[in-house]
PDB file of all heavy atoms in Angstrom:
ATOM      1  N   THR A   1       0.814  -1.216   0.000  1.00  0.00           N
ATOM      2  CA  THR A   1       0.000   0.000   0.000  1.00  0.00           C
ATOM      3  C   THR A   1       0.846   1.263   0.000  1.00  0.00           C
ATOM      4  O   THR A   1       0.317   2.356  -0.199  1.00  0.00           O
ATOM      5  CB  THR A   1      -0.946   0.019   1.216  1.00  0.00           C
ATOM      6  OG1 THR A   1      -0.171  -0.068   2.414  1.00  0.00           O
ATOM      7  CG2 THR A   1      -1.943  -1.123   1.144  1.00  0.00           C
ATOM      8  N   GLY A   2       2.144   1.134   0.250  1.00  0.00           N
ATOM      9  CA  GLY A   2       3.035   2.283   0.230  1.00  0.00           C
ATOM     10  C   GLY A   2       2.830   3.258   1.378  1.00  0.00           C
ATOM     11  O   GLY A   2       3.114   4.435   1.241  1.00  0.00           O
ATOM     12  N   VAL A   3       2.352   2.770   2.504  1.00  0.00           N
ATOM     13  CA  VAL A   3       2.104   3.663   3.647  1.00  0.00           C
ATOM     14  C   VAL A   3       3.302   3.733   4.582  1.00  0.00           C
ATOM     15  O   VAL A   3       3.157   3.828   5.791  1.00  0.00           O
ATOM     16  CB  VAL A   3       0.815   3.263   4.426  1.00  0.00           C
ATOM     17  CG1 VAL A   3      -0.413   3.471   3.568  1.00  0.00           C
ATOM     18  CG2 VAL A   3       0.904   1.834   4.930  1.00  0.00           C
ATOM     19  N   HIS A   4       4.501   3.704   4.014  1.00  0.00           N
ATOM     20  CA  HIS A   4       5.723   3.793   4.812  1.00  0.00           C
ATOM     21  C   HIS A   4       5.748   5.101   5.579  1.00  0.00           C
ATOM     22  O   HIS A   4       5.396   6.142   5.047  1.00  0.00           O
ATOM     23  CB  HIS A   4       6.966   3.758   3.914  1.00  0.00           C
ATOM     24  CG  HIS A   4       6.965   2.640   2.943  1.00  0.00           C
ATOM     25  ND1 HIS A   4       7.331   1.374   3.293  1.00  0.00           N
ATOM     26  CD2 HIS A   4       6.630   2.600   1.642  1.00  0.00           C
ATOM     27  CE1 HIS A   4       7.229   0.597   2.239  1.00  0.00           C
ATOM     28  NE2 HIS A   4       6.799   1.316   1.225  1.00  0.00           N
ATOM     29  N   SER A   5       6.183   5.012   6.807  1.00  0.00           N
ATOM     30  CA  SER A   5       6.349   6.228   7.607  1.00  0.00           C
ATOM     31  C   SER A   5       7.330   5.919   8.727  1.00  0.00           C
ATOM     32  O   SER A   5       7.717   4.765   8.932  1.00  0.00           O
ATOM     33  CB  SER A   5       5.015   6.677   8.189  1.00  0.00           C
ATOM     34  OG  SER A   5       4.547   5.755   9.166  1.00  0.00           O
ATOM     35  N   GLY A   6       7.699   6.933   9.450  1.00  0.00           N
ATOM     36  CA  GLY A   6       8.530   6.714  10.629  1.00  0.00           C
ATOM     37  C   GLY A   6       7.820   5.832  11.642  1.00  0.00           C
ATOM     38  O   GLY A   6       8.447   5.038  12.343  1.00  0.00           O
ATOM     39  N   MET A   7       6.487   5.967  11.669  1.00  0.00           N
ATOM     40  CA  MET A   7       5.708   5.156  12.609  1.00  0.00           C
ATOM     41  C   MET A   7       5.741   3.667  12.232  1.00  0.00           C
ATOM     42  O   MET A   7       5.922   2.811  13.101  1.00  0.00           O
ATOM     43  CB  MET A   7       4.263   5.645  12.651  1.00  0.00           C
ATOM     44  CG  MET A   7       3.411   4.914  13.669  1.00  0.00           C
ATOM     45  SD  MET A   7       1.742   5.583  13.785  1.00  0.00           S
ATOM     46  CE  MET A   7       1.099   5.145  12.183  1.00  0.00           C
ATOM     47  N   THR A   8       5.593   3.354  10.944  1.00  0.00           N
ATOM     48  CA  THR A   8       5.608   1.946  10.549  1.00  0.00           C
ATOM     49  C   THR A   8       7.014   1.351  10.683  1.00  0.00           C
ATOM     50  O   THR A   8       7.168   0.204  11.095  1.00  0.00           O
ATOM     51  CB  THR A   8       5.069   1.746   9.116  1.00  0.00           C
ATOM     52  OG1 THR A   8       5.851   2.530   8.204  1.00  0.00           O
ATOM     53  CG2 THR A   8       3.605   2.124   9.026  1.00  0.00           C
ATOM     54  N   ALA A   9       8.027   2.143  10.351  1.00  0.00           N
ATOM     55  CA  ALA A   9       9.408   1.672  10.528  1.00  0.00           C
ATOM     56  C   ALA A   9       9.698   1.454  12.006  1.00  0.00           C
ATOM     57  O   ALA A   9      10.292   0.442  12.396  1.00  0.00           O
ATOM     58  CB  ALA A   9      10.392   2.671   9.932  1.00  0.00           C
ATOM     59  N   GLY A  10       9.255   2.376  12.842  1.00  0.00           N
ATOM     60  CA  GLY A  10       9.442   2.238  14.290  1.00  0.00           C
ATOM     61  C   GLY A  10       8.699   1.042  14.849  1.00  0.00           C
ATOM     62  O   GLY A  10       9.198   0.347  15.745  1.00  0.00           O
ATOM     63  N   ALA A  11       7.510   0.778  14.319  1.00  0.00           N
ATOM     64  CA  ALA A  11       6.728  -0.384  14.773  1.00  0.00           C
ATOM     65  C   ALA A  11       7.463  -1.683  14.439  1.00  0.00           C
ATOM     66  O   ALA A  11       7.468  -2.621  15.238  1.00  0.00           O
ATOM     67  CB  ALA A  11       5.340  -0.369  14.143  1.00  0.00           C
ATOM     68  N   CYS A  12       8.094  -1.725  13.272  1.00  0.00           N
ATOM     69  CA  CYS A  12       8.839  -2.935  12.885  1.00  0.00           C
ATOM     70  C   CYS A  12      10.072  -3.127  13.767  1.00  0.00           C
ATOM     71  O   CYS A  12      10.386  -4.254  14.156  1.00  0.00           O
ATOM     72  CB  CYS A  12       9.223  -2.873  11.415  1.00  0.00           C
ATOM     73  SG  CYS A  12       7.790  -3.016  10.309  1.00  0.00           S
ATOM     74  N   ALA A  13      10.758  -2.034  14.092  1.00  0.00           N
ATOM     75  CA  ALA A  13      11.902  -2.124  15.008  1.00  0.00           C
ATOM     76  C   ALA A  13      11.431  -2.533  16.398  1.00  0.00           C
ATOM     77  O   ALA A  13      12.057  -3.375  17.054  1.00  0.00           O
ATOM     78  CB  ALA A  13      12.642  -0.792  15.059  1.00  0.00           C
ATOM     79  N   LEU A  14      10.322  -1.945  16.841  1.00  0.00           N
ATOM     80  CA  LEU A  14       9.748  -2.318  18.140  1.00  0.00           C
ATOM     81  C   LEU A  14       9.424  -3.802  18.173  1.00  0.00           C
ATOM     82  O   LEU A  14       9.721  -4.495  19.151  1.00  0.00           O
ATOM     83  CB  LEU A  14       8.492  -1.491  18.423  1.00  0.00           C
ATOM     84  CG  LEU A  14       7.688  -1.894  19.663  1.00  0.00           C
ATOM     85  CD1 LEU A  14       8.516  -1.693  20.927  1.00  0.00           C
ATOM     86  CD2 LEU A  14       6.377  -1.105  19.719  1.00  0.00           C
ATOM     87  N   TYR A  15       8.836  -4.305  17.094  1.00  0.00           N
ATOM     88  CA  TYR A  15       8.490  -5.727  17.034  1.00  0.00           C
ATOM     89  C   TYR A  15       9.736  -6.599  17.185  1.00  0.00           C
ATOM     90  O   TYR A  15       9.739  -7.565  17.957  1.00  0.00           O
ATOM     91  CB  TYR A  15       7.776  -6.054  15.716  1.00  0.00           C
ATOM     92  CG  TYR A  15       7.282  -7.472  15.685  1.00  0.00           C
ATOM     93  CD1 TYR A  15       6.091  -7.818  16.284  1.00  0.00           C
ATOM     94  CD2 TYR A  15       8.028  -8.482  15.081  1.00  0.00           C
ATOM     95  CE1 TYR A  15       5.641  -9.124  16.288  1.00  0.00           C
ATOM     96  CE2 TYR A  15       7.599  -9.783  15.081  1.00  0.00           C
ATOM     97  CZ  TYR A  15       6.406 -10.108  15.691  1.00  0.00           C
ATOM     98  OH  TYR A  15       5.978 -11.411  15.705  1.00  0.00           O
ATOM     99  N   PHE A  16      10.797  -6.252  16.465  1.00  0.00           N
ATOM    100  CA  PHE A  16      12.040  -7.020  16.551  1.00  0.00           C
ATOM    101  C   PHE A  16      12.532  -7.090  17.995  1.00  0.00           C
ATOM    102  O   PHE A  16      12.800  -8.176  18.523  1.00  0.00           O
ATOM    103  CB  PHE A  16      13.120  -6.399  15.660  1.00  0.00           C
ATOM    104  CG  PHE A  16      14.467  -7.035  15.834  1.00  0.00           C
ATOM    105  CD1 PHE A  16      14.801  -8.179  15.131  1.00  0.00           C
ATOM    106  CD2 PHE A  16      15.409  -6.501  16.712  1.00  0.00           C
ATOM    107  CE1 PHE A  16      16.048  -8.786  15.288  1.00  0.00           C
ATOM    108  CE2 PHE A  16      16.652  -7.096  16.879  1.00  0.00           C
ATOM    109  CZ  PHE A  16      16.971  -8.239  16.167  1.00  0.00           C
ATOM    110  N   PHE A  17      12.655  -5.941  18.653  1.00  0.00           N
ATOM    111  CA  PHE A  17      13.196  -5.919  20.015  1.00  0.00           C
ATOM    112  C   PHE A  17      12.224  -6.523  21.030  1.00  0.00           C
ATOM    113  O   PHE A  17      12.648  -7.142  22.011  1.00  0.00           O
ATOM    114  CB  PHE A  17      13.615  -4.503  20.403  1.00  0.00           C
ATOM    115  CG  PHE A  17      14.849  -4.062  19.669  1.00  0.00           C
ATOM    116  CD1 PHE A  17      14.779  -3.093  18.684  1.00  0.00           C
ATOM    117  CD2 PHE A  17      16.085  -4.646  19.943  1.00  0.00           C
ATOM    118  CE1 PHE A  17      15.910  -2.702  17.994  1.00  0.00           C
ATOM    119  CE2 PHE A  17      17.225  -4.266  19.248  1.00  0.00           C
ATOM    120  CZ  PHE A  17      17.136  -3.286  18.276  1.00  0.00           C
ATOM    121  N   ALA A  18      10.931  -6.385  20.774  1.00  0.00           N
ATOM    122  CA  ALA A  18       9.942  -7.008  21.665  1.00  0.00           C
ATOM    123  C   ALA A  18      10.041  -8.530  21.593  1.00  0.00           C
ATOM    124  O   ALA A  18       9.984  -9.216  22.619  1.00  0.00           O
ATOM    125  CB  ALA A  18       8.526  -6.544  21.296  1.00  0.00           C
ATOM    126  N   ARG A  19      10.227  -9.060  20.385  1.00  0.00           N
ATOM    127  CA  ARG A  19      10.329 -10.520  20.247  1.00  0.00           C
ATOM    128  C   ARG A  19      11.645 -11.028  20.834  1.00  0.00           C
ATOM    129  O   ARG A  19      11.685 -12.085  21.457  1.00  0.00           O
ATOM    130  CB  ARG A  19      10.197 -10.941  18.777  1.00  0.00           C
ATOM    131  CG  ARG A  19       8.854 -10.677  18.159  1.00  0.00           C
ATOM    132  CD  ARG A  19       7.671 -11.111  18.995  1.00  0.00           C
ATOM    133  NE  ARG A  19       7.755 -12.506  19.388  1.00  0.00           N
ATOM    134  CZ  ARG A  19       6.836 -13.139  20.118  1.00  0.00           C
ATOM    135  NH1 ARG A  19       5.766 -12.516  20.534  1.00  0.00           N
ATOM    136  NH2 ARG A  19       6.998 -14.389  20.452  1.00  0.00           N
ATOM    137  N   LEU A  20      12.714 -10.285  20.643  1.00  0.00           N
ATOM    138  CA  LEU A  20      13.988 -10.673  21.242  1.00  0.00           C
ATOM    139  C   LEU A  20      13.875 -10.661  22.764  1.00  0.00           C
ATOM    140  O   LEU A  20      14.277 -11.618  23.435  1.00  0.00           O
ATOM    141  CB  LEU A  20      15.103  -9.728  20.776  1.00  0.00           C
ATOM    142  CG  LEU A  20      16.485  -9.957  21.395  1.00  0.00           C
ATOM    143  CD1 LEU A  20      17.007 -11.355  21.087  1.00  0.00           C
ATOM    144  CD2 LEU A  20      17.453  -8.893  20.902  1.00  0.00           C
ATOM    145  N   GLY A  21      13.319  -9.594  23.300  1.00  0.00           N
ATOM    146  CA  GLY A  21      13.132  -9.509  24.747  1.00  0.00           C
ATOM    147  C   GLY A  21      12.222 -10.599  25.265  1.00  0.00           C
ATOM    148  O   GLY A  21      12.470 -11.187  26.331  1.00  0.00           O
ATOM    149  N   HIS A  22      11.168 -10.924  24.519  1.00  0.00           N
ATOM    150  CA  HIS A  22      10.234 -11.968  24.929  1.00  0.00           C
ATOM    151  C   HIS A  22      10.946 -13.306  25.087  1.00  0.00           C
ATOM    152  O   HIS A  22      10.752 -14.017  26.077  1.00  0.00           O
ATOM    153  CB  HIS A  22       9.095 -12.080  23.908  1.00  0.00           C
ATOM    154  CG  HIS A  22       8.074 -13.101  24.249  1.00  0.00           C
ATOM    155  ND1 HIS A  22       8.107 -14.374  23.727  1.00  0.00           N
ATOM    156  CD2 HIS A  22       6.998 -13.052  25.061  1.00  0.00           C
ATOM    157  CE1 HIS A  22       7.078 -15.058  24.210  1.00  0.00           C
ATOM    158  NE2 HIS A  22       6.391 -14.279  25.022  1.00  0.00           N
ATOM    159  N   VAL A  23      11.774 -13.643  24.127  1.00  0.00           N
ATOM    160  CA  VAL A  23      12.500 -14.919  24.198  1.00  0.00           C
ATOM    161  C   VAL A  23      13.449 -14.937  25.394  1.00  0.00           C
ATOM    162  O   VAL A  23      13.507 -15.919  26.140  1.00  0.00           O
ATOM    163  CB  VAL A  23      13.260 -15.198  22.881  1.00  0.00           C
ATOM    164  CG1 VAL A  23      14.253 -16.337  23.039  1.00  0.00           C
ATOM    165  CG2 VAL A  23      12.274 -15.509  21.775  1.00  0.00           C
ATOM    166  N   ILE A  24      14.166 -13.864  25.597  1.00  0.00           N
ATOM    167  CA  ILE A  24      15.132 -13.815  26.706  1.00  0.00           C
ATOM    168  C   ILE A  24      14.436 -13.967  28.050  1.00  0.00           C
ATOM    169  O   ILE A  24      14.837 -14.787  28.880  1.00  0.00           O
ATOM    170  CB  ILE A  24      15.965 -12.520  26.641  1.00  0.00           C
ATOM    171  CG1 ILE A  24      16.889 -12.551  25.420  1.00  0.00           C
ATOM    172  CG2 ILE A  24      16.767 -12.320  27.922  1.00  0.00           C
ATOM    173  CD1 ILE A  24      17.531 -11.215  25.093  1.00  0.00           C
ATOM    174  N   VAL A  25      13.379 -13.199  28.264  1.00  0.00           N
ATOM    175  CA  VAL A  25      12.721 -13.281  29.577  1.00  0.00           C
ATOM    176  C   VAL A  25      11.929 -14.571  29.725  1.00  0.00           C
ATOM    177  O   VAL A  25      11.744 -15.060  30.835  1.00  0.00           O
ATOM    178  CB  VAL A  25      11.851 -12.037  29.880  1.00  0.00           C
ATOM    179  CG1 VAL A  25      12.698 -10.782  29.922  1.00  0.00           C
ATOM    180  CG2 VAL A  25      10.718 -11.884  28.904  1.00  0.00           C
ATOM    181  N   TYR A  26      11.478 -15.155  28.624  1.00  0.00           N
ATOM    182  CA  TYR A  26      10.806 -16.459  28.690  1.00  0.00           C
ATOM    183  C   TYR A  26      11.796 -17.518  29.152  1.00  0.00           C
ATOM    184  O   TYR A  26      11.496 -18.329  30.031  1.00  0.00           O
ATOM    185  CB  TYR A  26      10.250 -16.810  27.308  1.00  0.00           C
ATOM    186  CG  TYR A  26       9.101 -17.790  27.307  1.00  0.00           C
ATOM    187  CD1 TYR A  26       7.977 -17.549  26.525  1.00  0.00           C
ATOM    188  CD2 TYR A  26       9.116 -18.960  28.052  1.00  0.00           C
ATOM    189  CE1 TYR A  26       6.917 -18.438  26.490  1.00  0.00           C
ATOM    190  CE2 TYR A  26       8.062 -19.852  28.021  1.00  0.00           C
ATOM    191  CZ  TYR A  26       6.969 -19.583  27.239  1.00  0.00           C
ATOM    192  OH  TYR A  26       5.926 -20.468  27.205  1.00  0.00           O
ATOM    193  N   VAL A  27      12.981 -17.516  28.570  1.00  0.00           N
ATOM    194  CA  VAL A  27      14.000 -18.502  28.933  1.00  0.00           C
ATOM    195  C   VAL A  27      14.402 -18.357  30.401  1.00  0.00           C
ATOM    196  O   VAL A  27      14.566 -19.347  31.118  1.00  0.00           O
ATOM    197  CB  VAL A  27      15.231 -18.395  28.008  1.00  0.00           C
ATOM    198  CG1 VAL A  27      16.403 -19.196  28.547  1.00  0.00           C
ATOM    199  CG2 VAL A  27      14.872 -18.852  26.604  1.00  0.00           C
TER     200      VAL A  27
END
């Protein structure tokens, strides 16, 4: 859809770090 923005890029970075953090604290 081409709706790139700082918000969507930030959401993708947030997702990456949230999933990394989730695995670490789960373990």
